[in-house]
Amino acid sequence: MTDDGKSELLKISADVGKYYAFMGQALRSVYDREASAQLPSDLLDAQIAQIRTALAPVLEKNHVVKENFERVDQDVARIRRAASDGAQRNTAIEEAKQYAVGIQERAKVVSDLVALFRRL
């Protein structure tokens, strides 16, 4: 692999890691008010949109991965909406906590891959 290819792979991997980190932050903001205060939802949404825009060209190359990302987007958005509805808030908090575990695992795996790619 050329140095340009390695650099591209590292950038894409880092962007995927950022995506999962931001999605985890979005979920934490549902059940942890301190997390919400650290990164206001407008800024968080802008960061997520920016990362999704950066990833869009590469996701177009693999529809399965693209669909996985879209599913995460939809699930997190649904949970966040439900959390703002008083009647659904407690259920949304529990779902956010459970979903966050999987997102955090994905983020850790991607972080490990980025660390490995940096050593190539």
PDB file of N, CA and C in Angstrom:
ATOM      1  N   MET A   1       0.851  -1.174   0.000  1.00  0.00           N
ATOM      2  CA  MET A   1       0.000   0.000   0.000  1.00  0.00           C
ATOM      3  C   MET A   1       0.892   1.230   0.000  1.00  0.00           C
ATOM      4  N   THR A   2       0.539   2.213  -0.800  1.00  0.00           N
ATOM      5  CA  THR A   2       1.312   3.446  -0.880  1.00  0.00           C
ATOM      6  C   THR A   2       1.103   4.281   0.385  1.00  0.00           C
ATOM      7  N   ASP A   3       1.991   5.247   0.568  1.00  0.00           N
ATOM      8  CA  ASP A   3       1.843   6.142   1.713  1.00  0.00           C
ATOM      9  C   ASP A   3       0.533   6.914   1.645  1.00  0.00           C
ATOM     10  N   ASP A   4       0.111   7.294   0.434  1.00  0.00           N
ATOM     11  CA  ASP A   4      -1.173   7.989   0.274  1.00  0.00           C
ATOM     12  C   ASP A   4      -2.335   7.087   0.667  1.00  0.00           C
ATOM     13  N   GLY A   5      -2.246   5.815   0.295  1.00  0.00           N
ATOM     14  CA  GLY A   5      -3.287   4.858   0.660  1.00  0.00           C
ATOM     15  C   GLY A   5      -3.354   4.654   2.160  1.00  0.00           C
ATOM     16  N   LYS A   6      -2.187   4.579   2.801  1.00  0.00           N
ATOM     17  CA  LYS A   6      -2.149   4.430   4.259  1.00  0.00           C
ATOM     18  C   LYS A   6      -2.732   5.661   4.938  1.00  0.00           C
ATOM     19  N   SER A   7      -2.392   6.814   4.410  1.00  0.00           N
ATOM     20  CA  SER A   7      -2.899   8.067   4.979  1.00  0.00           C
ATOM     21  C   SER A   7      -4.413   8.143   4.853  1.00  0.00           C
ATOM     22  N   GLU A   8      -4.921   7.744   3.705  1.00  0.00           N
ATOM     23  CA  GLU A   8      -6.371   7.736   3.470  1.00  0.00           C
ATOM     24  C   GLU A   8      -7.069   6.751   4.408  1.00  0.00           C
ATOM     25  N   LEU A   9      -6.499   5.572   4.556  1.00  0.00           N
ATOM     26  CA  LEU A   9      -7.055   4.565   5.448  1.00  0.00           C
ATOM     27  C   LEU A   9      -7.074   5.064   6.893  1.00  0.00           C
ATOM     28  N   LEU A  10      -6.020   5.700   7.309  1.00  0.00           N
ATOM     29  CA  LEU A  10      -5.936   6.239   8.659  1.00  0.00           C
ATOM     30  C   LEU A  10      -6.982   7.334   8.871  1.00  0.00           C
ATOM     31  N   LYS A  11      -7.160   8.214   7.890  1.00  0.00           N
ATOM     32  CA  LYS A  11      -8.141   9.295   8.005  1.00  0.00           C
ATOM     33  C   LYS A  11      -9.558   8.741   8.087  1.00  0.00           C
ATOM     34  N   ILE A  12      -9.863   7.793   7.223  1.00  0.00           N
ATOM     35  CA  ILE A  12     -11.204   7.187   7.236  1.00  0.00           C
ATOM     36  C   ILE A  12     -11.454   6.502   8.577  1.00  0.00           C
ATOM     37  N   SER A  13     -10.477   5.755   9.052  1.00  0.00           N
ATOM     38  CA  SER A  13     -10.630   5.055  10.326  1.00  0.00           C
ATOM     39  C   SER A  13     -10.813   6.041  11.472  1.00  0.00           C
ATOM     40  N   ALA A  14     -10.038   7.111  11.464  1.00  0.00           N
ATOM     41  CA  ALA A  14     -10.175   8.128  12.514  1.00  0.00           C
ATOM     42  C   ALA A  14     -11.553   8.782  12.452  1.00  0.00           C
ATOM     43  N   ASP A  15     -12.053   9.035  11.253  1.00  0.00           N
ATOM     44  CA  ASP A  15     -13.393   9.616  11.107  1.00  0.00           C
ATOM     45  C   ASP A  15     -14.473   8.663  11.618  1.00  0.00           C
ATOM     46  N   VAL A  16     -14.314   7.374  11.350  1.00  0.00           N
ATOM     47  CA  VAL A  16     -15.276   6.386  11.868  1.00  0.00           C
ATOM     48  C   VAL A  16     -15.225   6.395  13.396  1.00  0.00           C
ATOM     49  N   GLY A  17     -14.026   6.469  13.949  1.00  0.00           N
ATOM     50  CA  GLY A  17     -13.888   6.543  15.399  1.00  0.00           C
ATOM     51  C   GLY A  17     -14.560   7.777  15.967  1.00  0.00           C
ATOM     52  N   LYS A  18     -14.387   8.915  15.301  1.00  0.00           N
ATOM     53  CA  LYS A  18     -15.043  10.154  15.747  1.00  0.00           C
ATOM     54  C   LYS A  18     -16.560  10.010  15.674  1.00  0.00           C
ATOM     55  N   TYR A  19     -17.026   9.391  14.608  1.00  0.00           N
ATOM     56  CA  TYR A  19     -18.472   9.185  14.453  1.00  0.00           C
ATOM     57  C   TYR A  19     -19.028   8.437  15.658  1.00  0.00           C
ATOM     58  N   TYR A  20     -18.403   7.314  15.993  1.00  0.00           N
ATOM     59  CA  TYR A  20     -18.896   6.531  17.126  1.00  0.00           C
ATOM     60  C   TYR A  20     -18.735   7.279  18.444  1.00  0.00           C
ATOM     61  N   ALA A  21     -17.670   8.041  18.582  1.00  0.00           N
ATOM     62  CA  ALA A  21     -17.495   8.836  19.806  1.00  0.00           C
ATOM     63  C   ALA A  21     -18.621   9.860  19.935  1.00  0.00           C
ATOM     64  N   PHE A  22     -18.957  10.529  18.840  1.00  0.00           N
ATOM     65  CA  PHE A  22     -20.044  11.514  18.876  1.00  0.00           C
ATOM     66  C   PHE A  22     -21.399  10.855  19.110  1.00  0.00           C
ATOM     67  N   MET A  23     -21.608   9.688  18.525  1.00  0.00           N
ATOM     68  CA  MET A  23     -22.876   8.992  18.759  1.00  0.00           C
ATOM     69  C   MET A  23     -22.971   8.550  20.222  1.00  0.00           C
ATOM     70  N   GLY A  24     -21.870   8.116  20.773  1.00  0.00           N
ATOM     71  CA  GLY A  24     -21.842   7.783  22.193  1.00  0.00           C
ATOM     72  C   GLY A  24     -22.141   9.000  23.055  1.00  0.00           C
ATOM     73  N   GLN A  25     -21.578  10.138  22.679  1.00  0.00           N
ATOM     74  CA  GLN A  25     -21.849  11.383  23.399  1.00  0.00           C
ATOM     75  C   GLN A  25     -23.325  11.744  23.299  1.00  0.00           C
ATOM     76  N   ALA A  26     -23.913  11.553  22.133  1.00  0.00           N
ATOM     77  CA  ALA A  26     -25.340  11.847  21.954  1.00  0.00           C
ATOM     78  C   ALA A  26     -26.190  10.980  22.869  1.00  0.00           C
ATOM     79  N   LEU A  27     -25.819   9.731  23.010  1.00  0.00           N
ATOM     80  CA  LEU A  27     -26.563   8.825  23.892  1.00  0.00           C
ATOM     81  C   LEU A  27     -26.338   9.175  25.365  1.00  0.00           C
ATOM     82  N   ARG A  28     -25.090   9.474  25.726  1.00  0.00           N
ATOM     83  CA  ARG A  28     -24.814   9.853  27.119  1.00  0.00           C
ATOM     84  C   ARG A  28     -25.581  11.106  27.519  1.00  0.00           C
ATOM     85  N   SER A  29     -25.755  12.004  26.571  1.00  0.00           N
ATOM     86  CA  SER A  29     -26.468  13.249  26.897  1.00  0.00           C
ATOM     87  C   SER A  29     -27.924  12.981  27.284  1.00  0.00           C
ATOM     88  N   VAL A  30     -28.455  11.835  26.886  1.00  0.00           N
ATOM     89  CA  VAL A  30     -29.823  11.461  27.251  1.00  0.00           C
ATOM     90  C   VAL A  30     -29.914  11.132  28.742  1.00  0.00           C
ATOM     91  N   TYR A  31     -28.913  10.454  29.278  1.00  0.00           N
ATOM     92  CA  TYR A  31     -29.001   9.998  30.668  1.00  0.00           C
ATOM     93  C   TYR A  31     -28.003  10.650  31.617  1.00  0.00           C
ATOM     94  N   ASP A  32     -27.139  11.528  31.092  1.00  0.00           N
ATOM     95  CA  ASP A  32     -26.139  12.185  31.937  1.00  0.00           C
ATOM     96  C   ASP A  32     -26.125  13.678  31.613  1.00  0.00           C
ATOM     97  N   ARG A  33     -26.719  14.470  32.481  1.00  0.00           N
ATOM     98  CA  ARG A  33     -26.828  15.917  32.245  1.00  0.00           C
ATOM     99  C   ARG A  33     -25.461  16.586  32.132  1.00  0.00           C
ATOM    100  N   GLU A  34     -24.452  16.086  32.849  1.00  0.00           N
ATOM    101  CA  GLU A  34     -23.108  16.652  32.742  1.00  0.00           C
ATOM    102  C   GLU A  34     -22.541  16.442  31.343  1.00  0.00           C
ATOM    103  N   ALA A  35     -22.783  15.289  30.766  1.00  0.00           N
ATOM    104  CA  ALA A  35     -22.326  15.023  29.400  1.00  0.00           C
ATOM    105  C   ALA A  35     -23.008  15.972  28.429  1.00  0.00           C
ATOM    106  N   SER A  36     -24.271  16.247  28.690  1.00  0.00           N
ATOM    107  CA  SER A  36     -25.032  17.161  27.838  1.00  0.00           C
ATOM    108  C   SER A  36     -24.472  18.578  27.927  1.00  0.00           C
ATOM    109  N   ALA A  37     -24.046  18.973  29.112  1.00  0.00           N
ATOM    110  CA  ALA A  37     -23.509  20.313  29.303  1.00  0.00           C
ATOM    111  C   ALA A  37     -22.133  20.470  28.655  1.00  0.00           C
ATOM    112  N   GLN A  38     -21.367  19.386  28.562  1.00  0.00           N
ATOM    113  CA  GLN A  38     -20.031  19.449  27.976  1.00  0.00           C
ATOM    114  C   GLN A  38     -20.067  19.785  26.491  1.00  0.00           C
ATOM    115  N   LEU A  39     -21.058  19.289  25.808  1.00  0.00           N
ATOM    116  CA  LEU A  39     -21.176  19.523  24.374  1.00  0.00           C
ATOM    117  C   LEU A  39     -22.653  19.741  24.056  1.00  0.00           C
ATOM    118  N   PRO A  40     -23.067  21.007  23.937  1.00  0.00           N
ATOM    119  CA  PRO A  40     -24.486  21.299  23.680  1.00  0.00           C
ATOM    120  C   PRO A  40     -24.988  20.567  22.430  1.00  0.00           C
ATOM    121  N   SER A  41     -26.262  20.228  22.446  1.00  0.00           N
ATOM    122  CA  SER A  41     -26.817  19.397  21.370  1.00  0.00           C
ATOM    123  C   SER A  41     -26.655  20.025  19.989  1.00  0.00           C
ATOM    124  N   ASP A  42     -26.755  21.337  19.872  1.00  0.00           N
ATOM    125  CA  ASP A  42     -26.573  21.973  18.554  1.00  0.00           C
ATOM    126  C   ASP A  42     -25.160  21.738  18.026  1.00  0.00           C
ATOM    127  N   LEU A  43     -24.178  21.891  18.897  1.00  0.00           N
ATOM    128  CA  LEU A  43     -22.790  21.677  18.487  1.00  0.00           C
ATOM    129  C   LEU A  43     -22.540  20.195  18.200  1.00  0.00           C
ATOM    130  N   LEU A  44     -23.092  19.334  19.041  1.00  0.00           N
ATOM    131  CA  LEU A  44     -22.963  17.891  18.824  1.00  0.00           C
ATOM    132  C   LEU A  44     -23.572  17.489  17.488  1.00  0.00           C
ATOM    133  N   ASP A  45     -24.767  17.984  17.198  1.00  0.00           N
ATOM    134  CA  ASP A  45     -25.419  17.677  15.919  1.00  0.00           C
ATOM    135  C   ASP A  45     -24.589  18.167  14.735  1.00  0.00           C
ATOM    136  N   ALA A  46     -23.973  19.337  14.884  1.00  0.00           N
ATOM    137  CA  ALA A  46     -23.121  19.880  13.807  1.00  0.00           C
ATOM    138  C   ALA A  46     -21.893  18.991  13.605  1.00  0.00           C
ATOM    139  N   GLN A  47     -21.305  18.514  14.702  1.00  0.00           N
ATOM    140  CA  GLN A  47     -20.141  17.629  14.599  1.00  0.00           C
ATOM    141  C   GLN A  47     -20.504  16.315  13.915  1.00  0.00           C
ATOM    142  N   ILE A  48     -21.659  15.761  14.303  1.00  0.00           N
ATOM    143  CA  ILE A  48     -22.112  14.507  13.686  1.00  0.00           C
ATOM    144  C   ILE A  48     -22.355  14.716  12.194  1.00  0.00           C
ATOM    145  N   ALA A  49     -22.997  15.809  11.844  1.00  0.00           N
ATOM    146  CA  ALA A  49     -23.265  16.097  10.423  1.00  0.00           C
ATOM    147  C   ALA A  49     -21.960  16.255   9.643  1.00  0.00           C
ATOM    148  N   GLN A  50     -20.985  16.905  10.246  1.00  0.00           N
ATOM    149  CA  GLN A  50     -19.698  17.112   9.577  1.00  0.00           C
ATOM    150  C   GLN A  50     -18.988  15.779   9.332  1.00  0.00           C
ATOM    151  N   ILE A  51     -19.001  14.908  10.328  1.00  0.00           N
ATOM    152  CA  ILE A  51     -18.363  13.590  10.171  1.00  0.00           C
ATOM    153  C   ILE A  51     -19.107  12.758   9.131  1.00  0.00           C
ATOM    154  N   ARG A  52     -20.431  12.800   9.152  1.00  0.00           N
ATOM    155  CA  ARG A  52     -21.225  12.040   8.163  1.00  0.00           C
ATOM    156  C   ARG A  52     -20.929  12.537   6.749  1.00  0.00           C
ATOM    157  N   THR A  53     -20.763  13.843   6.597  1.00  0.00           N
ATOM    158  CA  THR A  53     -20.427  14.401   5.286  1.00  0.00           C
ATOM    159  C   THR A  53     -19.047  13.914   4.838  1.00  0.00           C
ATOM    160  N   ALA A  54     -18.103  13.890   5.768  1.00  0.00           N
ATOM    161  CA  ALA A  54     -16.752  13.432   5.442  1.00  0.00           C
ATOM    162  C   ALA A  54     -16.736  11.948   5.069  1.00  0.00           C
ATOM    163  N   LEU A  55     -17.605  11.165   5.711  1.00  0.00           N
ATOM    164  CA  LEU A  55     -17.646   9.724   5.450  1.00  0.00           C
ATOM    165  C   LEU A  55     -18.507   9.344   4.243  1.00  0.00           C
ATOM    166  N   ALA A  56     -19.359  10.236   3.797  1.00  0.00           N
ATOM    167  CA  ALA A  56     -20.322   9.911   2.738  1.00  0.00           C
ATOM    168  C   ALA A  56     -19.676   9.285   1.495  1.00  0.00           C
ATOM    169  N   PRO A  57     -18.599   9.855   0.954  1.00  0.00           N
ATOM    170  CA  PRO A  57     -18.030   9.252  -0.264  1.00  0.00           C
ATOM    171  C   PRO A  57     -17.567   7.811  -0.069  1.00  0.00           C
ATOM    172  N   VAL A  58     -16.963   7.518   1.055  1.00  0.00           N
ATOM    173  CA  VAL A  58     -16.469   6.165   1.271  1.00  0.00           C
ATOM    174  C   VAL A  58     -17.621   5.206   1.586  1.00  0.00           C
ATOM    175  N   LEU A  59     -18.659   5.692   2.272  1.00  0.00           N
ATOM    176  CA  LEU A  59     -19.806   4.834   2.571  1.00  0.00           C
ATOM    177  C   LEU A  59     -20.579   4.469   1.305  1.00  0.00           C
ATOM    178  N   GLU A  60     -20.521   5.316   0.299  1.00  0.00           N
ATOM    179  CA  GLU A  60     -21.184   5.029  -0.976  1.00  0.00           C
ATOM    180  C   GLU A  60     -20.582   3.799  -1.648  1.00  0.00           C
ATOM    181  N   LYS A  61     -19.381   3.443  -1.265  1.00  0.00           N
ATOM    182  CA  LYS A  61     -18.694   2.305  -1.886  1.00  0.00           C
ATOM    183  C   LYS A  61     -19.102   0.963  -1.298  1.00  0.00           C
ATOM    184  N   ASN A  62     -19.816   0.996  -0.158  1.00  0.00           N
ATOM    185  CA  ASN A  62     -20.223  -0.258   0.474  1.00  0.00           C
ATOM    186  C   ASN A  62     -21.604  -0.060   1.086  1.00  0.00           C
ATOM    187  N   HIS A  63     -22.631  -0.575   0.430  1.00  0.00           N
ATOM    188  CA  HIS A  63     -24.001  -0.320   0.874  1.00  0.00           C
ATOM    189  C   HIS A  63     -24.323  -0.966   2.222  1.00  0.00           C
ATOM    190  N   VAL A  64     -23.667  -2.062   2.548  1.00  0.00           N
ATOM    191  CA  VAL A  64     -23.928  -2.718   3.840  1.00  0.00           C
ATOM    192  C   VAL A  64     -23.443  -1.829   4.986  1.00  0.00           C
ATOM    193  N   VAL A  65     -22.237  -1.321   4.868  1.00  0.00           N
ATOM    194  CA  VAL A  65     -21.699  -0.433   5.904  1.00  0.00           C
ATOM    195  C   VAL A  65     -22.524   0.849   5.962  1.00  0.00           C
ATOM    196  N   LYS A  66     -22.886   1.366   4.812  1.00  0.00           N
ATOM    197  CA  LYS A  66     -23.717   2.577   4.771  1.00  0.00           C
ATOM    198  C   LYS A  66     -25.039   2.341   5.505  1.00  0.00           C
ATOM    199  N   GLU A  67     -25.664   1.211   5.264  1.00  0.00           N
ATOM    200  CA  GLU A  67     -26.925   0.894   5.935  1.00  0.00           C
ATOM    201  C   GLU A  67     -26.727   0.736   7.441  1.00  0.00           C
ATOM    202  N   ASN A  68     -25.598   0.176   7.858  1.00  0.00           N
ATOM    203  CA  ASN A  68     -25.307   0.062   9.292  1.00  0.00           C
ATOM    204  C   ASN A  68     -25.202   1.438   9.941  1.00  0.00           C
ATOM    205  N   PHE A  69     -24.510   2.353   9.272  1.00  0.00           N
ATOM    206  CA  PHE A  69     -24.388   3.715   9.794  1.00  0.00           C
ATOM    207  C   PHE A  69     -25.755   4.398   9.836  1.00  0.00           C
ATOM    208  N   GLU A  70     -26.543   4.212   8.795  1.00  0.00           N
ATOM    209  CA  GLU A  70     -27.876   4.813   8.759  1.00  0.00           C
ATOM    210  C   GLU A  70     -28.752   4.272   9.884  1.00  0.00           C
ATOM    211  N   ARG A  71     -28.620   2.994  10.173  1.00  0.00           N
ATOM    212  CA  ARG A  71     -29.393   2.386  11.260  1.00  0.00           C
ATOM    213  C   ARG A  71     -28.999   2.997  12.607  1.00  0.00           C
ATOM    214  N   VAL A  72     -27.703   3.171  12.809  1.00  0.00           N
ATOM    215  CA  VAL A  72     -27.232   3.802  14.053  1.00  0.00           C
ATOM    216  C   VAL A  72     -27.777   5.233  14.132  1.00  0.00           C
ATOM    217  N   ASP A  73     -27.680   5.971  13.026  1.00  0.00           N
ATOM    218  CA  ASP A  73     -28.218   7.339  12.992  1.00  0.00           C
ATOM    219  C   ASP A  73     -29.688   7.355  13.396  1.00  0.00           C
ATOM    220  N   GLN A  74     -30.461   6.473  12.795  1.00  0.00           N
ATOM    221  CA  GLN A  74     -31.900   6.432  13.060  1.00  0.00           C
ATOM    222  C   GLN A  74     -32.196   6.024  14.502  1.00  0.00           C
ATOM    223  N   ASP A  75     -31.495   5.034  15.002  1.00  0.00           N
ATOM    224  CA  ASP A  75     -31.730   4.573  16.369  1.00  0.00           C
ATOM    225  C   ASP A  75     -31.396   5.671  17.385  1.00  0.00           C
ATOM    226  N   VAL A  76     -30.255   6.306  17.202  1.00  0.00           N
ATOM    227  CA  VAL A  76     -29.855   7.363  18.140  1.00  0.00           C
ATOM    228  C   VAL A  76     -30.827   8.537  18.058  1.00  0.00           C
ATOM    229  N   ALA A  77     -31.223   8.916  16.854  1.00  0.00           N
ATOM    230  CA  ALA A  77     -32.188  10.013  16.707  1.00  0.00           C
ATOM    231  C   ALA A  77     -33.518   9.665  17.377  1.00  0.00           C
ATOM    232  N   ARG A  78     -33.965   8.437  17.204  1.00  0.00           N
ATOM    233  CA  ARG A  78     -35.228   8.001  17.817  1.00  0.00           C
ATOM    234  C   ARG A  78     -35.138   8.049  19.340  1.00  0.00           C
ATOM    235  N   ILE A  79     -34.036   7.568  19.881  1.00  0.00           N
ATOM    236  CA  ILE A  79     -33.855   7.571  21.334  1.00  0.00           C
ATOM    237  C   ILE A  79     -33.811   8.999  21.863  1.00  0.00           C
ATOM    238  N   ARG A  80     -33.106   9.865  21.165  1.00  0.00           N
ATOM    239  CA  ARG A  80     -33.020  11.268  21.605  1.00  0.00           C
ATOM    240  C   ARG A  80     -34.389  11.943  21.557  1.00  0.00           C
ATOM    241  N   ARG A  81     -35.164  11.653  20.518  1.00  0.00           N
ATOM    242  CA  ARG A  81     -36.525  12.234  20.438  1.00  0.00           C
ATOM    243  C   ARG A  81     -37.394  11.719  21.581  1.00  0.00           C
ATOM    244  N   ALA A  82     -37.319  10.431  21.829  1.00  0.00           N
ATOM    245  CA  ALA A  82     -38.128   9.834  22.896  1.00  0.00           C
ATOM    246  C   ALA A  82     -37.755  10.415  24.258  1.00  0.00           C
ATOM    247  N   ALA A  83     -36.485  10.738  24.439  1.00  0.00           N
ATOM    248  CA  ALA A  83     -36.038  11.285  25.720  1.00  0.00           C
ATOM    249  C   ALA A  83     -36.623  12.667  25.980  1.00  0.00           C
ATOM    250  N   SER A  84     -36.978  13.371  24.923  1.00  0.00           N
ATOM    251  CA  SER A  84     -37.563  14.708  25.101  1.00  0.00           C
ATOM    252  C   SER A  84     -39.063  14.649  25.348  1.00  0.00           C
ATOM    253  N   ASP A  85     -39.645  13.456  25.243  1.00  0.00           N
ATOM    254  CA  ASP A  85     -41.069  13.241  25.506  1.00  0.00           C
ATOM    255  C   ASP A  85     -41.196  12.721  26.935  1.00  0.00           C
ATOM    256  N   GLY A  86     -41.815  13.517  27.787  1.00  0.00           N
ATOM    257  CA  GLY A  86     -41.929  13.158  29.200  1.00  0.00           C
ATOM    258  C   GLY A  86     -42.461  11.762  29.443  1.00  0.00           C
ATOM    259  N   ALA A  87     -43.432  11.330  28.662  1.00  0.00           N
ATOM    260  CA  ALA A  87     -44.038  10.011  28.855  1.00  0.00           C
ATOM    261  C   ALA A  87     -43.079   8.873  28.505  1.00  0.00           C
ATOM    262  N   GLN A  88     -42.141   9.134  27.601  1.00  0.00           N
ATOM    263  CA  GLN A  88     -41.212   8.090  27.141  1.00  0.00           C
ATOM    264  C   GLN A  88     -39.813   8.248  27.728  1.00  0.00           C
ATOM    265  N   ARG A  89     -39.585   9.285  28.511  1.00  0.00           N
ATOM    266  CA  ARG A  89     -38.235   9.628  28.967  1.00  0.00           C
ATOM    267  C   ARG A  89     -37.538   8.473  29.701  1.00  0.00           C
ATOM    268  N   ASN A  90     -38.179   7.866  30.661  1.00  0.00           N
ATOM    269  CA  ASN A  90     -37.520   6.801  31.434  1.00  0.00           C
ATOM    270  C   ASN A  90     -37.140   5.612  30.560  1.00  0.00           C
ATOM    271  N   THR A  91     -38.026   5.244  29.658  1.00  0.00           N
ATOM    272  CA  THR A  91     -37.729   4.148  28.736  1.00  0.00           C
ATOM    273  C   THR A  91     -36.571   4.529  27.820  1.00  0.00           C
ATOM    274  N   ALA A  92     -36.569   5.770  27.350  1.00  0.00           N
ATOM    275  CA  ALA A  92     -35.496   6.242  26.473  1.00  0.00           C
ATOM    276  C   ALA A  92     -34.152   6.264  27.192  1.00  0.00           C
ATOM    277  N   ILE A  93     -34.161   6.633  28.447  1.00  0.00           N
ATOM    278  CA  ILE A  93     -32.918   6.648  29.229  1.00  0.00           C
ATOM    279  C   ILE A  93     -32.340   5.242  29.321  1.00  0.00           C
ATOM    280  N   GLU A  94     -33.168   4.277  29.620  1.00  0.00           N
ATOM    281  CA  GLU A  94     -32.693   2.892  29.717  1.00  0.00           C
ATOM    282  C   GLU A  94     -32.194   2.385  28.367  1.00  0.00           C
ATOM    283  N   GLU A  95     -32.928   2.703  27.322  1.00  0.00           N
ATOM    284  CA  GLU A  95     -32.493   2.271  25.987  1.00  0.00           C
ATOM    285  C   GLU A  95     -31.184   2.944  25.599  1.00  0.00           C
ATOM    286  N   ALA A  96     -31.037   4.216  25.937  1.00  0.00           N
ATOM    287  CA  ALA A  96     -29.798   4.942  25.630  1.00  0.00           C
ATOM    288  C   ALA A  96     -28.610   4.299  26.338  1.00  0.00           C
ATOM    289  N   LYS A  97     -28.792   3.926  27.593  1.00  0.00           N
ATOM    290  CA  LYS A  97     -27.714   3.281  28.344  1.00  0.00           C
ATOM    291  C   LYS A  97     -27.314   1.955  27.696  1.00  0.00           C
ATOM    292  N   GLN A  98     -28.286   1.167  27.312  1.00  0.00           N
ATOM    293  CA  GLN A  98     -28.004  -0.130  26.693  1.00  0.00           C
ATOM    294  C   GLN A  98     -27.352   0.035  25.323  1.00  0.00           C
ATOM    295  N   TYR A  99     -27.883   0.932  24.512  1.00  0.00           N
ATOM    296  CA  TYR A  99     -27.361   1.141  23.160  1.00  0.00           C
ATOM    297  C   TYR A  99     -25.947   1.720  23.222  1.00  0.00           C
ATOM    298  N   ALA A 100     -25.705   2.556  24.225  1.00  0.00           N
ATOM    299  CA  ALA A 100     -24.389   3.185  24.371  1.00  0.00           C
ATOM    300  C   ALA A 100     -23.292   2.155  24.585  1.00  0.00           C
ATOM    301  N   VAL A 101     -23.609   1.057  25.239  1.00  0.00           N
ATOM    302  CA  VAL A 101     -22.610   0.004  25.468  1.00  0.00           C
ATOM    303  C   VAL A 101     -22.077  -0.509  24.133  1.00  0.00           C
ATOM    304  N   GLY A 102     -22.968  -0.808  23.201  1.00  0.00           N
ATOM    305  CA  GLY A 102     -22.543  -1.287  21.882  1.00  0.00           C
ATOM    306  C   GLY A 102     -21.766  -0.243  21.100  1.00  0.00           C
ATOM    307  N   ILE A 103     -22.205   1.001  21.199  1.00  0.00           N
ATOM    308  CA  ILE A 103     -21.513   2.092  20.493  1.00  0.00           C
ATOM    309  C   ILE A 103     -20.111   2.278  21.073  1.00  0.00           C
ATOM    310  N   GLN A 104     -19.988   2.198  22.386  1.00  0.00           N
ATOM    311  CA  GLN A 104     -18.675   2.340  23.025  1.00  0.00           C
ATOM    312  C   GLN A 104     -17.747   1.201  22.619  1.00  0.00           C
ATOM    313  N   GLU A 105     -18.286   0.010  22.472  1.00  0.00           N
ATOM    314  CA  GLU A 105     -17.470  -1.122  22.022  1.00  0.00           C
ATOM    315  C   GLU A 105     -16.967  -0.886  20.598  1.00  0.00           C
ATOM    316  N   ARG A 106     -17.854  -0.419  19.744  1.00  0.00           N
ATOM    317  CA  ARG A 106     -17.433  -0.111  18.366  1.00  0.00           C
ATOM    318  C   ARG A 106     -16.341   0.949  18.370  1.00  0.00           C
ATOM    319  N   ALA A 107     -16.516   1.980  19.185  1.00  0.00           N
ATOM    320  CA  ALA A 107     -15.529   3.060  19.257  1.00  0.00           C
ATOM    321  C   ALA A 107     -14.170   2.527  19.715  1.00  0.00           C
ATOM    322  N   LYS A 108     -14.170   1.619  20.689  1.00  0.00           N
ATOM    323  CA  LYS A 108     -12.907   1.044  21.179  1.00  0.00           C
ATOM    324  C   LYS A 108     -12.221   0.230  20.094  1.00  0.00           C
ATOM    325  N   VAL A 109     -12.986  -0.571  19.377  1.00  0.00           N
ATOM    326  CA  VAL A 109     -12.411  -1.388  18.309  1.00  0.00           C
ATOM    327  C   VAL A 109     -11.788  -0.501  17.232  1.00  0.00           C
ATOM    328  N   VAL A 110     -12.511   0.525  16.834  1.00  0.00           N
ATOM    329  CA  VAL A 110     -11.992   1.431  15.806  1.00  0.00           C
ATOM    330  C   VAL A 110     -10.753   2.160  16.322  1.00  0.00           C
ATOM    331  N   SER A 111     -10.767   2.559  17.572  1.00  0.00           N
ATOM    332  CA  SER A 111      -9.606   3.225  18.165  1.00  0.00           C
ATOM    333  C   SER A 111      -8.377   2.318  18.121  1.00  0.00           C
ATOM    334  N   ASP A 112      -8.582   1.044  18.431  1.00  0.00           N
ATOM    335  CA  ASP A 112      -7.473   0.087  18.353  1.00  0.00           C
ATOM    336  C   ASP A 112      -6.956  -0.044  16.928  1.00  0.00           C
ATOM    337  N   LEU A 113      -7.872  -0.077  15.969  1.00  0.00           N
ATOM    338  CA  LEU A 113      -7.455  -0.167  14.569  1.00  0.00           C
ATOM    339  C   LEU A 113      -6.672   1.072  14.134  1.00  0.00           C
ATOM    340  N   VAL A 114      -7.117   2.236  14.547  1.00  0.00           N
ATOM    341  CA  VAL A 114      -6.401   3.467  14.215  1.00  0.00           C
ATOM    342  C   VAL A 114      -4.987   3.406  14.785  1.00  0.00           C
ATOM    343  N   ALA A 115      -4.867   2.952  16.022  1.00  0.00           N
ATOM    344  CA  ALA A 115      -3.540   2.824  16.641  1.00  0.00           C
ATOM    345  C   ALA A 115      -2.650   1.871  15.850  1.00  0.00           C
ATOM    346  N   LEU A 116      -3.221   0.762  15.391  1.00  0.00           N
ATOM    347  CA  LEU A 116      -2.463  -0.194  14.589  1.00  0.00           C
ATOM    348  C   LEU A 116      -2.078   0.400  13.237  1.00  0.00           C
ATOM    349  N   PHE A 117      -3.023   1.072  12.585  1.00  0.00           N
ATOM    350  CA  PHE A 117      -2.740   1.668  11.278  1.00  0.00           C
ATOM    351  C   PHE A 117      -1.648   2.717  11.356  1.00  0.00           C
ATOM    352  N   ARG A 118      -1.578   3.413  12.464  1.00  0.00           N
ATOM    353  CA  ARG A 118      -0.518   4.431  12.624  1.00  0.00           C
ATOM    354  C   ARG A 118       0.866   3.804  12.635  1.00  0.00           C
ATOM    355  N   ARG A 119       0.933   2.540  12.973  1.00  0.00           N
ATOM    356  CA  ARG A 119       2.215   1.834  13.035  1.00  0.00           C
ATOM    357  C   ARG A 119       2.608   1.190  11.709  1.00  0.00           C
ATOM    358  N   LEU A 120       1.735   1.236  10.719  1.00  0.00           N
ATOM    359  CA  LEU A 120       2.038   0.620   9.426  1.00  0.00           C
ATOM    360  C   LEU A 120       3.138   1.377   8.702  1.00  0.00           C
TER     361      LEU A 120
END
